[in-house]
């Protein structure tokens, strides 16, 4: 697993969209840290088409935990749809044009965010 890229860049477009839908369905109630880490780490494994080694698992868990805490701007211990969506818009749509390494999948292929990510 490359450690110099955003953790969500490991997701395929399909798995990124599944994470997006999961968070949209979580709505205003949101999701807690443990559920978030389990869900997204499972999607990362699916995207990589293999199980993670113990070291990779620790890295993914820590990276997802850090991302969760960064998104949890309300400090409730839960990330809701608004916090998640705000993160997507700021992390992926407002990128400097010379730094595409954070993108969740290959920007060069014309894919960025699902079109639905641009609307609330």
Foldseek 3Di string as FASTA:
>chain_A
DDPVFQLLLLADQVLVVVLLVVQVVCAPVAAALVVQLVSVQVRSCVSVVHDDDPVVSVVSSVSSSVVQVVLPPVPPRGHHNVSVLVCCCVVFVPDDPVDNRHFNYDVVVVDGHPPCSVDD
